[in-house]
Amino acid sequence: MVFSWLHFAMILFLLAGLLFACGPLILAALFAPKARGGDIGMPYECGMVPYGSSWARWGVSYYVYALIFLAFDVDVLYLFPVSTAYTDAAGWIPFVKVFIFLSFLILSVVYFWAKGVFTWPRRIQ
């Protein structure tokens, strides 16, 4: 195998990429402050001294909201490539396809609303 300038450039870019990825980690390990204890180990709560446990338990409804947000966020991301791909399409078929996709999204929101997923339960103390 003959070593060419292309091989040299590939090795050079590989080393530059590794340095770019690992360089900040190495610099942070070398130059980061090493102080322990005191206020550094405390969780930050708006400048106030925290009280209670930092291991707060979240309700299930928070996670349901997060999952629904992720599902709809990913579905909306599908609309961007579709909108660019259908600009040159002729006829009503692309419009009908996007309308079917959006109708399924709307029906799923109506279904979740009817099941009571979007009602935030009040905490009884």
Protein backbone atom coordinates (compact mmCIF):
# COMPACT_ATOMS: atom_id res chain seq x y z
CA MET A 1 0.00 0.00 0.00
CA VAL A 2 1.32 3.39 -0.97
CA PHE A 3 1.03 6.18 1.58
CA SER A 4 -0.42 9.23 -0.13
CA TRP A 5 -1.43 12.76 0.85
CA LEU A 6 -5.00 11.57 1.15
CA HIS A 7 -4.01 9.09 3.85
CA PHE A 8 -2.03 11.81 5.62
CA ALA A 9 -5.04 14.16 5.49
CA MET A 10 -7.37 11.46 6.84
CA ILE A 11 -5.03 10.71 9.77
CA LEU A 12 -4.57 14.42 10.42
CA PHE A 13 -8.35 15.04 10.50
CA LEU A 14 -8.87 11.98 12.71
CA LEU A 15 -6.32 13.29 15.22
CA ALA A 16 -7.81 16.79 15.05
CA GLY A 17 -11.29 15.36 15.69
CA LEU A 18 -10.08 13.36 18.68
CA LEU A 19 -8.28 16.42 20.05
CA PHE A 20 -11.40 18.52 19.50
CA ALA A 21 -13.54 15.95 21.35
CA CYS A 22 -11.17 15.02 24.18
CA GLY A 23 -9.35 18.33 24.56
CA PRO A 24 -12.00 20.10 26.66
CA LEU A 25 -12.35 17.05 28.92
CA ILE A 26 -8.61 16.92 29.54
CA LEU A 27 -8.38 20.69 30.10
CA ALA A 28 -11.31 20.59 32.53
CA ALA A 29 -9.70 17.77 34.49
CA LEU A 30 -6.41 19.70 34.70
CA PHE A 31 -7.67 23.21 35.44
CA ALA A 32 -10.98 22.70 37.26
CA PRO A 33 -11.10 23.81 40.90
CA LYS A 34 -10.51 20.97 43.30
CA ALA A 35 -12.33 22.44 46.32
CA ARG A 36 -14.65 20.10 48.20
CA GLY A 37 -17.19 20.65 50.94
CA GLY A 38 -18.90 23.83 52.05
CA ASP A 39 -21.45 25.39 49.72
CA ILE A 40 -20.05 23.64 46.63
CA GLY A 41 -21.74 20.35 47.49
CA MET A 42 -25.16 21.93 48.13
CA PRO A 43 -27.88 21.89 45.50
CA TYR A 44 -28.70 25.32 44.08
CA GLU A 45 -32.24 26.52 44.76
CA CYS A 46 -32.60 30.13 43.62
CA GLY A 47 -29.96 31.41 46.02
CA MET A 48 -31.83 30.20 49.10
CA VAL A 49 -30.56 27.66 51.55
CA PRO A 50 -32.20 24.35 50.59
CA TYR A 51 -34.23 22.42 53.10
CA GLY A 52 -35.50 18.88 52.97
CA SER A 53 -34.29 16.12 50.74
CA SER A 54 -32.85 16.80 47.31
CA TRP A 55 -34.34 13.50 46.13
CA ALA A 56 -37.82 14.82 45.46
CA ARG A 57 -40.34 12.40 44.02
CA TRP A 58 -42.22 13.60 40.98
CA GLY A 59 -45.74 12.53 40.21
CA VAL A 60 -46.54 10.13 37.40
CA SER A 61 -48.41 12.85 35.56
CA TYR A 62 -45.13 14.74 35.00
CA TYR A 63 -43.67 11.76 33.15
CA VAL A 64 -46.87 11.29 31.14
CA TYR A 65 -46.64 14.92 30.00
CA ALA A 66 -42.99 14.41 29.10
CA LEU A 67 -43.75 11.30 27.03
CA ILE A 68 -46.64 12.97 25.23
CA PHE A 69 -44.45 15.98 24.47
CA LEU A 70 -41.72 13.76 23.04
CA ALA A 71 -44.19 11.81 20.91
CA PHE A 72 -45.74 14.95 19.41
CA ASP A 73 -42.36 16.63 19.04
CA VAL A 74 -41.06 13.72 16.97
CA ASP A 75 -44.25 13.68 14.90
CA VAL A 76 -43.92 17.37 14.15
CA LEU A 77 -40.33 16.80 13.07
CA TYR A 78 -41.68 14.57 10.30
CA LEU A 79 -43.59 17.53 8.88
CA PHE A 80 -40.45 19.49 7.95
CA PRO A 81 -39.03 17.01 5.40
CA VAL A 82 -42.54 16.33 4.10
CA SER A 83 -43.13 20.03 3.51
CA THR A 84 -39.90 20.34 1.53
CA ALA A 85 -40.47 17.14 -0.45
CA TYR A 86 -44.04 18.03 -1.45
CA THR A 87 -43.26 21.48 -2.84
CA ASP A 88 -42.72 20.09 -6.35
CA ALA A 89 -45.53 17.53 -6.17
CA ALA A 90 -48.57 18.03 -8.33
CA GLY A 91 -52.16 17.33 -7.46
CA TRP A 92 -54.05 16.76 -4.26
CA ILE A 93 -52.42 13.49 -3.17
CA PRO A 94 -49.60 15.10 -1.11
CA PHE A 95 -52.14 17.38 0.58
CA VAL A 96 -54.35 14.41 1.44
CA LYS A 97 -51.39 12.49 2.86
CA VAL A 98 -50.37 15.37 5.13
CA PHE A 99 -54.01 15.90 6.10
CA ILE A 100 -54.32 12.23 7.13
CA PHE A 101 -51.12 12.51 9.18
CA LEU A 102 -52.34 15.65 10.93
CA SER A 103 -55.78 14.18 11.50
CA PHE A 104 -54.20 11.25 13.34
CA LEU A 105 -52.28 13.73 15.50
CA ILE A 106 -55.45 15.68 16.26
CA LEU A 107 -57.40 12.50 17.02
CA SER A 108 -54.70 11.37 19.43
CA VAL A 109 -54.88 14.71 21.26
CA VAL A 110 -58.67 14.37 21.49
CA TYR A 111 -58.28 10.79 22.78
CA PHE A 112 -55.77 11.83 25.46
CA TRP A 113 -58.02 14.72 26.46
CA ALA A 114 -61.04 12.41 26.76
CA LYS A 115 -59.03 9.96 28.89
CA GLY A 116 -58.15 12.82 31.26
CA VAL A 117 -54.42 12.72 30.67
CA PHE A 118 -54.12 16.50 30.48
CA THR A 119 -55.73 17.16 33.86
CA TRP A 120 -53.08 17.79 36.44
CA PRO A 121 -54.15 16.12 39.70
CA ARG A 122 -54.02 18.28 42.80
CA ARG A 123 -51.93 16.98 45.63
CA ILE A 124 -53.95 16.22 48.77
CA GLN A 125 -52.08 17.09 51.93
